[in-house]
Amino acid sequence: MIRVLVTGGGGFIGAHLVTYLKELGYWVRAADIREPEFGSSGADEYSLADLRNSDNCMEAMRDIDQVYALAADMGGIGYISRNHSKILRNNTLINLNTLDAAHTAGIHRYLFTSSACVYPGWRQTTNNPVQLKEDSAFPADPPTAYGWEKLTAEKLLSAYSEDHGLVTRVVRLHNVYGPYGSYDGGCEKVPAALCRKVASVEPGGTIDVWGDGSQIRSFCYIDDCVEGLHRVMLGDHGGPLNLGSEEAITINDLTRLIIEISAKQGISIRNIDGPQGVRSRNSDNSVLRQTLGWAPAVTLFEGLTTTYRWVAGEVEKAARSPRGRDAKQPLHDAWSVPSQRSV
C-alpha cells in the first residue's frame, strides 16, 4: 500500500484530497497546524505540526512514499493584500523545510500546489479574458508576496529535482472553491464570501462587492481539483501545470449567478472600494489536456449550486446557535474542511 502525506491536510483542499485518496486505497497521513475546523479528519493518521519547524517536517515524512505539499498561509484577496511579510516568511519556511525533509527521507514523489498568483501582473491588466499559459510566468513579476513565494518554491523544486533526482510535480491552482470550506472570518475566497452574503441578505436587500465588479476570474470546483492533483502526481510531466476552469466570468456576473441560484428576488449589488487583485485571470489548460488527456469538467453553475446550498445551510445554523459562528460545532460526522492552510 502506498503511504501518502498531505500537508495542510486539515484545510479546504487538503481535507477533500485526503478523502479522495482514501477512497482510492491509499494510506494517508495529514499534517496541519490545527485540527479541522468542522469535524474530524478521515486520514489514517492526523499530525498536529507546525511545518515552519524542520524537525516537525522530518517527523511528518516518516515511512512516507509520496507527498502532496498543500500547506500554506493563505486566504482571499483581502488577506493576501494585507499580510505580505507574514505570508512570505511563513510559506518560505514551510516550503524549504518540507522539501528538504522529503529529500532527506528519500521520498519517491513530491507534488507542490503553486498558484495562478505566480503570473506577472502586467499580463493581467486588460478588461478582456486573459488565458495564462505556463510559460507566461517569466519575466517574473507576481503582484503579491504570495505569488513570489510560490514562484520561488517552484524554482526550488526544480533545483532539488536536478541536483538530487527527486521526482517533483508542480500544479498552479486557479481559484478553487466548493462546500466544506471557509466562508467567513477573512480568509475565505470570493465564491464562498459571495455565497455567504447572498445567503445572509433578505430578498430586496443589497450586498457589497469589492471593486467595480468587472474584474475577470475563473473558478475550479473542488472535485475537479483533487482529481487533477492525483492525475498530475501519477503523470510524467515534470514542469508546472495549470489546473483550473477555463470558464471566465466577471465578479459582478458571478454574484448575479449566485443570486439566481438562491432564488431570492430583488437583491442588488453595490460595488465599493476594496482589494480586487488583477483585472483579468483565466486558466489555459492546453498543456494539462495534452499531457493527461483530461481537464476540469464541472460547470460553474453546477459547482456554485452545491456550494451555495452548503454555505446557506451553515449561515442558517449559525443564526440558530446561541453563540453564532463562534460556537464552531461539528457540522459533519465524517469530516469537513476549513480554508487551505497550515499556518
Foldseek 3Di string as FASTA:
>chain_A
DAEEEEELLLFALNQVLQVVVVVVPYQYEYEFCDARLFEHGPHPHYHNDQLLDLVRLLVSCPPHAEYEYQAADAFALQVQVVQQVVRLNSLLSNLVSNVVSCLVSVHQEYEYEAAPLLAALVQFADLDARADDPVRSPVTHRPTSSNVSRVVSQVVVVVCCVPPVHQYAYEHEFAEDFAQEDLDDGRYYLLSVLLLQLLPDAFQEEDEDEDPQSAKGFYAYSVQVSVLRVLRRPFDDRHYAYATDQDMDTRVVSSVLSNVLVVRHNYYYDYDHDRDGGRHYGHDHPVVCVGRVDGGDDDPSRRSNRHSVNSSVLQVVQVPDPNRPVVSHNPDHHGGHYHRHRD
